[in-house]
N, C-alpha and C. Protein backbone atom coordinates (compact mmCIF):
# COMPACT_ATOMS: atom_id res chain seq x y z
N MET A 1 9.98 4.10 -3.16
CA MET A 1 10.56 2.99 -3.98
C MET A 1 11.63 3.44 -4.96
N ARG A 2 11.33 4.61 -5.63
CA ARG A 2 12.17 5.15 -6.52
C ARG A 2 13.52 5.55 -5.93
N LYS A 3 13.48 6.08 -4.64
CA LYS A 3 14.62 6.53 -3.88
C LYS A 3 15.52 5.30 -3.62
N ILE A 4 14.78 4.18 -3.27
CA ILE A 4 15.51 2.96 -2.88
C ILE A 4 16.16 2.43 -4.18
N ILE A 5 15.55 2.36 -5.25
CA ILE A 5 16.16 1.92 -6.41
C ILE A 5 17.35 2.82 -7.00
N LEU A 6 17.14 4.16 -6.79
CA LEU A 6 18.23 5.05 -7.16
C LEU A 6 19.42 4.90 -6.25
N THR A 7 19.13 4.70 -4.94
CA THR A 7 20.21 4.49 -3.96
C THR A 7 20.94 3.15 -4.30
N LEU A 8 20.15 2.10 -4.58
CA LEU A 8 20.90 0.85 -4.92
C LEU A 8 21.66 0.93 -6.17
N SER A 9 21.21 1.65 -7.18
CA SER A 9 22.00 1.81 -8.43
C SER A 9 23.19 2.66 -8.18
N PHE A 10 23.10 3.70 -7.32
CA PHE A 10 24.25 4.45 -6.97
C PHE A 10 25.29 3.61 -6.26
N PHE A 11 24.79 2.82 -5.34
CA PHE A 11 25.62 1.88 -4.55
C PHE A 11 26.48 0.92 -5.51
N LEU A 12 25.62 0.34 -6.44
CA LEU A 12 26.25 -0.53 -7.45
C LEU A 12 27.34 0.21 -8.25
N THR A 13 27.03 1.43 -8.70
CA THR A 13 27.96 2.19 -9.44
C THR A 13 29.25 2.43 -8.66
N ILE A 14 29.07 2.79 -7.36
CA ILE A 14 30.25 3.00 -6.46
C ILE A 14 31.04 1.72 -6.37
N ASN A 15 30.36 0.59 -6.17
CA ASN A 15 31.10 -0.70 -6.13
C ASN A 15 31.83 -0.99 -7.28
N ILE A 16 31.16 -0.71 -8.46
CA ILE A 16 31.88 -1.01 -9.82
C ILE A 16 33.08 -0.17 -9.90
N SER A 17 32.84 1.17 -9.56
CA SER A 17 34.05 2.03 -9.68
C SER A 17 35.21 1.69 -8.72
N PHE A 18 34.82 1.21 -7.49
CA PHE A 18 35.85 0.80 -6.64
C PHE A 18 36.53 -0.45 -7.18
N ALA A 19 35.80 -1.37 -7.90
CA ALA A 19 36.47 -2.58 -8.46
C ALA A 19 37.39 -2.16 -9.56
N PHE A 20 36.96 -1.16 -10.36
CA PHE A 20 37.89 -0.71 -11.37
C PHE A 20 39.05 0.02 -10.80
N ASN A 21 38.87 0.77 -9.82
CA ASN A 21 39.96 1.50 -9.08
C ASN A 21 40.94 0.45 -8.48
N LEU A 22 40.37 -0.66 -7.88
CA LEU A 22 41.13 -1.73 -7.39
C LEU A 22 42.05 -2.41 -8.49
N ASP A 23 41.40 -2.76 -9.65
CA ASP A 23 42.14 -3.24 -10.73
C ASP A 23 43.28 -2.33 -11.18
N ASP A 24 42.92 -1.00 -11.31
CA ASP A 24 43.98 0.01 -11.66
C ASP A 24 45.08 0.02 -10.66
N ALA A 25 44.82 -0.05 -9.32
CA ALA A 25 45.75 0.11 -8.33
C ALA A 25 46.67 -1.13 -8.41
N LEU A 26 46.13 -2.35 -8.68
CA LEU A 26 46.99 -3.56 -8.74
C LEU A 26 47.89 -3.40 -9.94
N GLU A 27 47.29 -2.93 -11.05
CA GLU A 27 48.17 -2.78 -12.25
C GLU A 27 49.29 -1.78 -12.04
N LYS A 28 49.00 -0.66 -11.37
CA LYS A 28 50.00 0.35 -11.02
C LYS A 28 51.07 -0.19 -10.12
N LEU A 29 50.65 -1.03 -9.21
CA LEU A 29 51.60 -1.76 -8.28
C LEU A 29 52.46 -2.63 -9.12
N GLU A 30 51.92 -3.43 -9.95
CA GLU A 30 52.75 -4.33 -10.80
C GLU A 30 53.74 -3.54 -11.66
N ASP A 31 53.24 -2.48 -12.30
CA ASP A 31 54.14 -1.58 -13.03
C ASP A 31 55.21 -0.98 -12.30
N ASN A 32 54.88 -0.51 -11.13
CA ASN A 32 55.92 0.08 -10.21
C ASN A 32 56.92 -1.00 -9.79
N ALA A 33 56.43 -2.18 -9.51
CA ALA A 33 57.39 -3.20 -9.13
C ALA A 33 58.29 -3.54 -10.24
N LYS A 34 57.89 -3.61 -11.55
CA LYS A 34 58.65 -3.89 -12.67
C LYS A 34 59.70 -2.74 -12.90
N VAL A 35 59.19 -1.50 -12.68
CA VAL A 35 60.05 -0.44 -12.92
C VAL A 35 61.10 -0.33 -11.84
N GLN A 36 60.76 -0.56 -10.66
CA GLN A 36 61.75 -0.56 -9.50
C GLN A 36 62.86 -1.73 -9.66
N MET A 37 62.28 -2.92 -10.15
CA MET A 37 63.22 -4.06 -10.42
C MET A 37 64.11 -3.68 -11.56
N ASP A 38 63.66 -3.10 -12.65
CA ASP A 38 64.51 -2.73 -13.70
C ASP A 38 65.60 -1.70 -13.29
N LYS A 39 65.12 -0.65 -12.51
CA LYS A 39 66.07 0.36 -12.06
C LYS A 39 67.09 -0.26 -11.06
N SER A 40 66.58 -1.09 -10.23
CA SER A 40 67.65 -1.69 -9.24
C SER A 40 68.64 -2.54 -9.91
N LEU A 41 68.20 -3.30 -10.97
CA LEU A 41 69.04 -4.20 -11.75
C LEU A 41 70.06 -3.35 -12.51
N GLU A 42 69.55 -2.25 -13.02
CA GLU A 42 70.48 -1.35 -13.96
C GLU A 42 71.50 -0.79 -12.96
N ASN A 43 70.96 -0.10 -11.83
CA ASN A 43 71.83 0.57 -10.97
C ASN A 43 72.77 -0.28 -10.13
N ASN A 44 72.36 -1.40 -9.79
CA ASN A 44 73.17 -2.32 -8.98
C ASN A 44 73.34 -3.60 -9.70
N LYS A 45 74.17 -3.61 -10.71
CA LYS A 45 74.39 -4.76 -11.46
C LYS A 45 75.14 -5.83 -10.61
N GLY A 46 76.08 -5.33 -9.81
CA GLY A 46 76.91 -6.14 -9.02
C GLY A 46 76.28 -6.69 -7.77
N VAL A 47 75.26 -5.97 -7.36
CA VAL A 47 74.64 -6.34 -6.06
C VAL A 47 73.43 -7.14 -6.43
N SER A 48 73.27 -8.25 -5.82
CA SER A 48 72.13 -9.09 -6.13
C SER A 48 70.97 -8.76 -5.13
N ILE A 49 69.91 -8.46 -5.67
CA ILE A 49 68.73 -8.05 -4.84
C ILE A 49 67.83 -9.29 -4.76
N SER A 50 67.41 -9.48 -3.57
CA SER A 50 66.53 -10.70 -3.47
C SER A 50 65.17 -10.30 -3.98
N LEU A 51 64.76 -11.02 -5.04
CA LEU A 51 63.47 -10.82 -5.62
C LEU A 51 62.29 -11.18 -4.65
N ASP A 52 62.67 -12.14 -3.79
CA ASP A 52 61.58 -12.57 -2.84
C ASP A 52 61.26 -11.45 -1.82
N SER A 53 62.33 -10.75 -1.32
CA SER A 53 62.13 -9.69 -0.34
C SER A 53 61.37 -8.52 -1.08
N LEU A 54 61.76 -8.25 -2.30
CA LEU A 54 61.10 -7.18 -2.98
C LEU A 54 59.62 -7.51 -3.27
N ALA A 55 59.39 -8.80 -3.58
CA ALA A 55 58.01 -9.24 -3.78
C ALA A 55 57.25 -9.25 -2.61
N LYS A 56 57.78 -9.58 -1.50
CA LYS A 56 57.12 -9.56 -0.16
C LYS A 56 56.80 -8.16 0.21
N ASP A 57 57.74 -7.24 -0.05
CA ASP A 57 57.47 -5.86 0.27
C ASP A 57 56.27 -5.33 -0.56
N LEU A 58 56.33 -5.62 -1.81
CA LEU A 58 55.26 -5.12 -2.67
C LEU A 58 53.93 -5.80 -2.33
N LYS A 59 54.00 -7.02 -1.96
CA LYS A 59 52.78 -7.78 -1.66
C LYS A 59 52.24 -7.20 -0.40
N GLY A 60 53.16 -6.85 0.63
CA GLY A 60 52.64 -6.20 1.84
C GLY A 60 51.98 -5.01 1.61
N GLU A 61 52.62 -4.13 0.78
CA GLU A 61 52.08 -2.82 0.44
C GLU A 61 50.71 -2.89 -0.25
N ALA A 62 50.67 -3.94 -1.20
CA ALA A 62 49.38 -4.14 -1.88
C ALA A 62 48.32 -4.64 -0.97
N VAL A 63 48.62 -5.54 -0.01
CA VAL A 63 47.67 -6.06 0.87
C VAL A 63 47.21 -4.84 1.74
N SER A 64 48.16 -4.00 2.29
CA SER A 64 47.68 -2.93 3.21
C SER A 64 46.76 -1.93 2.44
N LYS A 65 47.08 -1.66 1.12
CA LYS A 65 46.26 -0.73 0.36
C LYS A 65 44.94 -1.43 0.08
N LEU A 66 44.87 -2.73 -0.16
CA LEU A 66 43.63 -3.45 -0.41
C LEU A 66 42.79 -3.46 0.88
N ASP A 67 43.43 -3.67 1.98
CA ASP A 67 42.64 -3.60 3.32
C ASP A 67 42.13 -2.28 3.59
N ALA A 68 42.82 -1.25 3.26
CA ALA A 68 42.32 0.12 3.40
C ALA A 68 41.15 0.37 2.51
N LEU A 69 41.29 -0.07 1.28
CA LEU A 69 40.20 0.15 0.29
C LEU A 69 38.96 -0.71 0.73
N GLU A 70 39.27 -1.96 1.26
CA GLU A 70 38.19 -2.74 1.66
C GLU A 70 37.41 -2.06 2.86
N GLN A 71 38.10 -1.45 3.75
CA GLN A 71 37.51 -0.88 4.95
C GLN A 71 36.69 0.39 4.45
N ARG A 72 37.23 1.18 3.51
CA ARG A 72 36.40 2.22 2.87
C ARG A 72 35.09 1.74 2.28
N VAL A 73 35.24 0.64 1.53
CA VAL A 73 34.15 0.12 0.81
C VAL A 73 33.08 -0.41 1.78
N ASN A 74 33.60 -1.09 2.77
CA ASN A 74 32.63 -1.61 3.86
C ASN A 74 31.96 -0.53 4.64
N SER A 75 32.72 0.50 4.90
CA SER A 75 32.00 1.66 5.71
C SER A 75 30.97 2.32 4.83
N LYS A 76 31.24 2.40 3.50
CA LYS A 76 30.25 3.05 2.74
C LYS A 76 28.98 2.16 2.53
N ILE A 77 29.33 0.88 2.36
CA ILE A 77 28.23 -0.14 2.32
C ILE A 77 27.39 -0.08 3.59
N ASP A 78 28.06 -0.05 4.74
CA ASP A 78 27.33 0.08 5.93
C ASP A 78 26.43 1.37 6.09
N ALA A 79 27.03 2.45 5.58
CA ALA A 79 26.23 3.67 5.64
C ALA A 79 25.09 3.66 4.70
N TYR A 80 25.23 3.04 3.52
CA TYR A 80 24.10 2.94 2.60
C TYR A 80 23.10 1.93 3.04
N ASP A 81 23.49 0.84 3.71
CA ASP A 81 22.63 -0.08 4.35
C ASP A 81 21.69 0.56 5.39
N GLU A 82 22.42 1.41 6.22
CA GLU A 82 21.60 2.08 7.25
C GLU A 82 20.67 2.98 6.62
N LYS A 83 21.05 3.70 5.56
CA LYS A 83 20.17 4.67 4.96
C LYS A 83 19.03 3.97 4.26
N ILE A 84 19.26 2.83 3.60
CA ILE A 84 18.14 2.20 2.89
C ILE A 84 17.28 1.52 3.94
N THR A 85 17.82 1.03 4.98
CA THR A 85 17.02 0.41 6.06
C THR A 85 16.07 1.50 6.64
N LEU A 86 16.59 2.78 6.92
CA LEU A 86 15.70 3.79 7.36
C LEU A 86 14.57 4.23 6.39
N GLU A 87 15.00 4.20 5.10
CA GLU A 87 14.02 4.58 4.10
C GLU A 87 12.92 3.48 4.08
N ILE A 88 13.33 2.20 4.10
CA ILE A 88 12.37 1.08 4.11
C ILE A 88 11.37 1.10 5.34
N ASN A 89 12.06 1.34 6.43
CA ASN A 89 11.19 1.56 7.71
C ASN A 89 10.27 2.65 7.63
N ASN A 90 10.65 3.82 7.03
CA ASN A 90 9.76 4.98 6.91
C ASN A 90 8.61 4.63 5.97
N ALA A 91 8.96 3.94 4.85
CA ALA A 91 7.91 3.57 3.89
C ALA A 91 6.88 2.56 4.51
N ALA A 92 7.45 1.64 5.32
CA ALA A 92 6.63 0.61 5.93
C ALA A 92 5.73 1.36 6.96
N ASN A 93 6.24 2.26 7.66
CA ASN A 93 5.45 3.02 8.66
C ASN A 93 4.28 3.86 7.99
N GLN A 94 4.67 4.47 6.86
CA GLN A 94 3.58 5.17 6.13
C GLN A 94 2.58 4.22 5.62
N ILE A 95 3.04 3.02 5.17
CA ILE A 95 2.06 2.13 4.62
C ILE A 95 1.16 1.58 5.71
N GLU A 96 1.67 1.30 6.85
CA GLU A 96 0.92 0.85 7.99
C GLU A 96 -0.06 1.86 8.44
N ALA A 97 0.33 3.17 8.46
CA ALA A 97 -0.57 4.22 8.79
C ALA A 97 -1.63 4.38 7.80
N LYS A 98 -1.38 4.23 6.53
CA LYS A 98 -2.51 4.27 5.51
C LYS A 98 -3.40 3.10 5.63
N ILE A 99 -2.84 1.92 5.97
CA ILE A 99 -3.68 0.70 6.27
C ILE A 99 -4.62 1.05 7.36
N ALA A 100 -4.05 1.45 8.49
CA ALA A 100 -4.94 1.80 9.69
C ALA A 100 -5.97 2.82 9.37
N GLU A 101 -5.77 3.90 8.63
CA GLU A 101 -6.60 4.85 8.12
C GLU A 101 -7.79 4.17 7.31
N LEU A 102 -7.33 3.34 6.33
CA LEU A 102 -8.29 2.71 5.51
C LEU A 102 -9.24 1.68 6.40
N GLU A 103 -8.66 1.10 7.34
CA GLU A 103 -9.40 0.20 8.26
C GLU A 103 -10.51 1.01 9.01
N GLU A 104 -10.07 2.24 9.45
CA GLU A 104 -11.07 3.11 10.18
C GLU A 104 -12.15 3.62 9.20
N ILE A 105 -11.79 3.93 7.96
CA ILE A 105 -12.84 4.29 7.04
C ILE A 105 -13.70 3.12 6.69
N LYS A 106 -13.11 1.95 6.61
CA LYS A 106 -13.95 0.69 6.44
C LYS A 106 -15.06 0.48 7.54
N LYS A 107 -14.58 0.68 8.78
CA LYS A 107 -15.37 0.58 9.95
C LYS A 107 -16.60 1.55 9.93
N ARG A 108 -16.23 2.82 9.55
CA ARG A 108 -17.34 3.76 9.46
C ARG A 108 -18.25 3.54 8.34
N ALA A 109 -17.78 3.06 7.28
CA ALA A 109 -18.61 2.72 6.11
C ALA A 109 -19.48 1.52 6.46
N ASN A 110 -18.92 0.59 7.23
CA ASN A 110 -19.85 -0.51 7.57
C ASN A 110 -20.96 -0.10 8.50
N LYS A 111 -20.61 0.86 9.45
CA LYS A 111 -21.67 1.38 10.32
C LYS A 111 -22.72 2.14 9.46
N VAL A 112 -22.28 2.92 8.48
CA VAL A 112 -23.32 3.65 7.67
C VAL A 112 -24.14 2.63 6.89
N ILE A 113 -23.46 1.64 6.36
CA ILE A 113 -24.22 0.64 5.61
C ILE A 113 -25.27 -0.11 6.48
N THR A 114 -24.84 -0.44 7.72
CA THR A 114 -25.82 -1.09 8.66
C THR A 114 -26.98 -0.18 8.98
N LEU A 115 -26.68 1.13 9.22
CA LEU A 115 -27.82 2.15 9.44
C LEU A 115 -28.69 2.28 8.25
N VAL A 116 -28.16 2.23 7.05
CA VAL A 116 -29.06 2.34 5.85
C VAL A 116 -29.95 1.10 5.74
N GLN A 117 -29.29 -0.12 6.03
CA GLN A 117 -30.08 -1.30 5.95
C GLN A 117 -31.28 -1.31 7.04
N ILE A 118 -30.95 -0.84 8.17
CA ILE A 118 -31.98 -0.83 9.24
C ILE A 118 -33.06 0.19 8.84
N PHE A 119 -32.61 1.45 8.22
CA PHE A 119 -33.63 2.33 7.76
C PHE A 119 -34.47 1.76 6.64
N LEU A 120 -33.90 1.01 5.64
CA LEU A 120 -34.66 0.38 4.62
C LEU A 120 -35.57 -0.73 5.13
N ALA A 121 -35.19 -1.38 6.16
CA ALA A 121 -36.06 -2.47 6.75
C ALA A 121 -37.26 -1.68 7.40
N ILE A 122 -37.01 -0.69 8.15
CA ILE A 122 -38.12 0.07 8.84
C ILE A 122 -39.00 0.68 7.65
N LEU A 123 -38.43 1.17 6.67
CA LEU A 123 -39.26 1.73 5.58
C LEU A 123 -40.01 0.70 4.91
N SER A 124 -39.49 -0.46 4.69
CA SER A 124 -40.34 -1.45 3.92
C SER A 124 -41.47 -1.94 4.97
N PHE A 125 -41.11 -2.16 6.21
CA PHE A 125 -42.16 -2.53 7.17
C PHE A 125 -43.24 -1.50 7.28
N SER A 126 -42.81 -0.15 7.28
CA SER A 126 -43.73 0.90 7.30
C SER A 126 -44.65 0.87 6.02
N THR A 127 -44.05 0.66 4.94
CA THR A 127 -44.82 0.57 3.69
C THR A 127 -45.83 -0.60 3.62
N ILE A 128 -45.39 -1.72 4.15
CA ILE A 128 -46.31 -2.88 4.27
C ILE A 128 -47.47 -2.46 5.31
N ALA A 129 -47.14 -1.88 6.41
CA ALA A 129 -48.15 -1.54 7.42
C ALA A 129 -49.15 -0.52 6.77
N LEU A 130 -48.54 0.47 6.08
CA LEU A 130 -49.47 1.43 5.46
C LEU A 130 -50.29 0.87 4.43
N ILE A 131 -49.89 -0.09 3.63
CA ILE A 131 -50.66 -0.81 2.70
C ILE A 131 -51.87 -1.51 3.37
N TYR A 132 -51.45 -2.22 4.48
CA TYR A 132 -52.47 -2.92 5.23
C TYR A 132 -53.52 -1.91 5.78
N PHE A 133 -53.06 -0.85 6.37
CA PHE A 133 -54.06 0.20 6.88
C PHE A 133 -54.88 0.74 5.82
N ILE A 134 -54.28 1.02 4.74
CA ILE A 134 -55.14 1.49 3.54
C ILE A 134 -56.15 0.52 3.13
N TRP A 135 -55.84 -0.78 3.07
CA TRP A 135 -56.73 -1.83 2.77
C TRP A 135 -57.90 -2.03 3.78
N ARG A 136 -57.43 -1.91 5.02
CA ARG A 136 -58.55 -1.97 6.04
C ARG A 136 -59.54 -0.71 5.93
N ALA A 137 -58.99 0.39 5.71
CA ALA A 137 -59.78 1.64 5.58
C ALA A 137 -60.69 1.51 4.36
N TYR A 138 -60.09 1.01 3.31
CA TYR A 138 -60.94 0.73 2.08
C TYR A 138 -62.09 -0.19 2.43
N ARG A 139 -61.82 -1.24 3.14
CA ARG A 139 -62.90 -2.17 3.47
C ARG A 139 -63.94 -1.57 4.30
N LYS A 140 -63.50 -0.79 5.31
CA LYS A 140 -64.49 -0.06 6.21
C LYS A 140 -65.32 0.92 5.40
N ILE A 141 -64.66 1.68 4.45
CA ILE A 141 -65.41 2.65 3.68
C ILE A 141 -66.33 1.88 2.69
N ASN A 142 -65.91 0.74 2.25
CA ASN A 142 -66.84 -0.04 1.36
C ASN A 142 -68.01 -0.53 2.11
N ARG A 143 -67.80 -0.92 3.40
CA ARG A 143 -68.97 -1.39 4.28
C ARG A 143 -69.91 -0.27 4.55
N LEU A 144 -69.37 0.94 4.87
CA LEU A 144 -70.12 2.04 5.18
C LEU A 144 -70.92 2.49 3.90
N TYR A 145 -70.29 2.41 2.70
CA TYR A 145 -71.01 2.64 1.54
C TYR A 145 -72.09 1.71 1.22
N ASN A 146 -71.88 0.44 1.49
CA ASN A 146 -72.87 -0.57 1.33
C ASN A 146 -74.06 -0.39 2.35
N MET A 147 -73.70 0.01 3.54
CA MET A 147 -74.70 0.34 4.55
C MET A 147 -75.51 1.53 4.01
N LEU A 148 -74.84 2.61 3.63
CA LEU A 148 -75.55 3.74 3.19
C LEU A 148 -76.44 3.39 1.96
N ASP A 149 -75.90 2.54 1.03
CA ASP A 149 -76.68 2.15 -0.14
C ASP A 149 -78.02 1.38 0.32
N ASN A 150 -77.78 0.56 1.41
CA ASN A 150 -78.93 -0.27 1.91
C ASN A 150 -79.96 0.73 2.61
N VAL A 151 -79.39 1.70 3.29
CA VAL A 151 -80.29 2.75 3.86
C VAL A 151 -81.11 3.44 2.83
N TYR A 152 -80.37 3.89 1.74
CA TYR A 152 -81.20 4.58 0.67
C TYR A 152 -82.05 3.76 0.00
N SER A 153 -81.67 2.41 -0.21
CA SER A 153 -82.47 1.43 -0.77
C SER A 153 -83.82 1.27 0.13
N TYR A 154 -83.57 1.21 1.46
CA TYR A 154 -84.66 1.02 2.34
C TYR A 154 -85.58 2.20 2.30
N LYS A 155 -84.99 3.39 2.29
CA LYS A 155 -85.76 4.62 2.18
C LYS A 155 -86.61 4.63 0.92
N ASP A 156 -85.96 4.23 -0.17
CA ASP A 156 -86.60 4.14 -1.46
C ASP A 156 -87.75 3.18 -1.51
N LEU A 157 -87.42 2.01 -0.82
CA LEU A 157 -88.53 1.06 -0.72
C LEU A 157 -89.67 1.52 0.10
N ASN A 158 -89.26 2.18 1.18
CA ASN A 158 -90.24 2.76 2.13
C ASN A 158 -91.15 3.87 1.43
N ALA A 159 -90.39 4.67 0.62
CA ALA A 159 -91.14 5.70 -0.15
C ALA A 159 -92.06 5.02 -1.19
N ARG A 160 -91.69 3.98 -1.81
CA ARG A 160 -92.51 3.31 -2.76
C ARG A 160 -93.75 2.62 -2.02
N LEU A 161 -93.46 1.98 -0.86
CA LEU A 161 -94.52 1.46 -0.15
C LEU A 161 -95.51 2.52 0.26
N THR A 162 -95.04 3.58 0.69
CA THR A 162 -95.93 4.67 1.09
C THR A 162 -96.76 5.22 -0.01
N THR A 163 -96.13 5.29 -1.20
CA THR A 163 -96.90 5.77 -2.41
C THR A 163 -97.90 4.69 -2.94
N LEU A 164 -97.51 3.42 -2.73
CA LEU A 164 -98.49 2.35 -3.05
C LEU A 164 -99.62 2.32 -2.14
N GLU A 165 -99.34 2.55 -0.75
CA GLU A 165 -100.40 2.61 0.17
C GLU A 165 -101.35 3.79 -0.01
N LYS A 166 -100.77 4.85 -0.47
CA LYS A 166 -101.60 6.03 -0.80
C LYS A 166 -102.54 5.78 -1.92
N ARG A 167 -101.99 5.09 -2.91
CA ARG A 167 -102.75 4.78 -4.09
C ARG A 167 -103.95 3.75 -3.80
N SER A 168 -103.61 2.93 -2.93
CA SER A 168 -104.63 1.95 -2.69
C SER A 168 -105.64 2.37 -1.69
């Protein structure tokens, strides 16, 4: 972007300098015409020179110089236009390449995010299942403990009964 701005400012500088050169050229032509008219009037006092023909000659010369200058300016403008267009196209191509690269990175990131979400879902399901199995195991262990407690209580009762029977 900086190159484009520098190129445009250079282009404007050249156009301004051409405009000043054009003004200078016109002033020089006017001065030359006055000098030539003065010389011709002094040298040929008796001969009348047609001012119209002199003006036409000077006008034709000025027009031809202006046309040449305009052609040079137009050719330089065209060259700068082509150069600026190429730089803009190169910058646009680079931007498009970066956008495509970022889109590819975005696709990969979305795949990774999806895989992480699946992993977290599996992990949460596994955690719920683990908690359920631990709860079932606790219930079974609690039942076994109660059964063992009942067995010991039964043995204890049985032992008491036998001691009572022996006493009686």
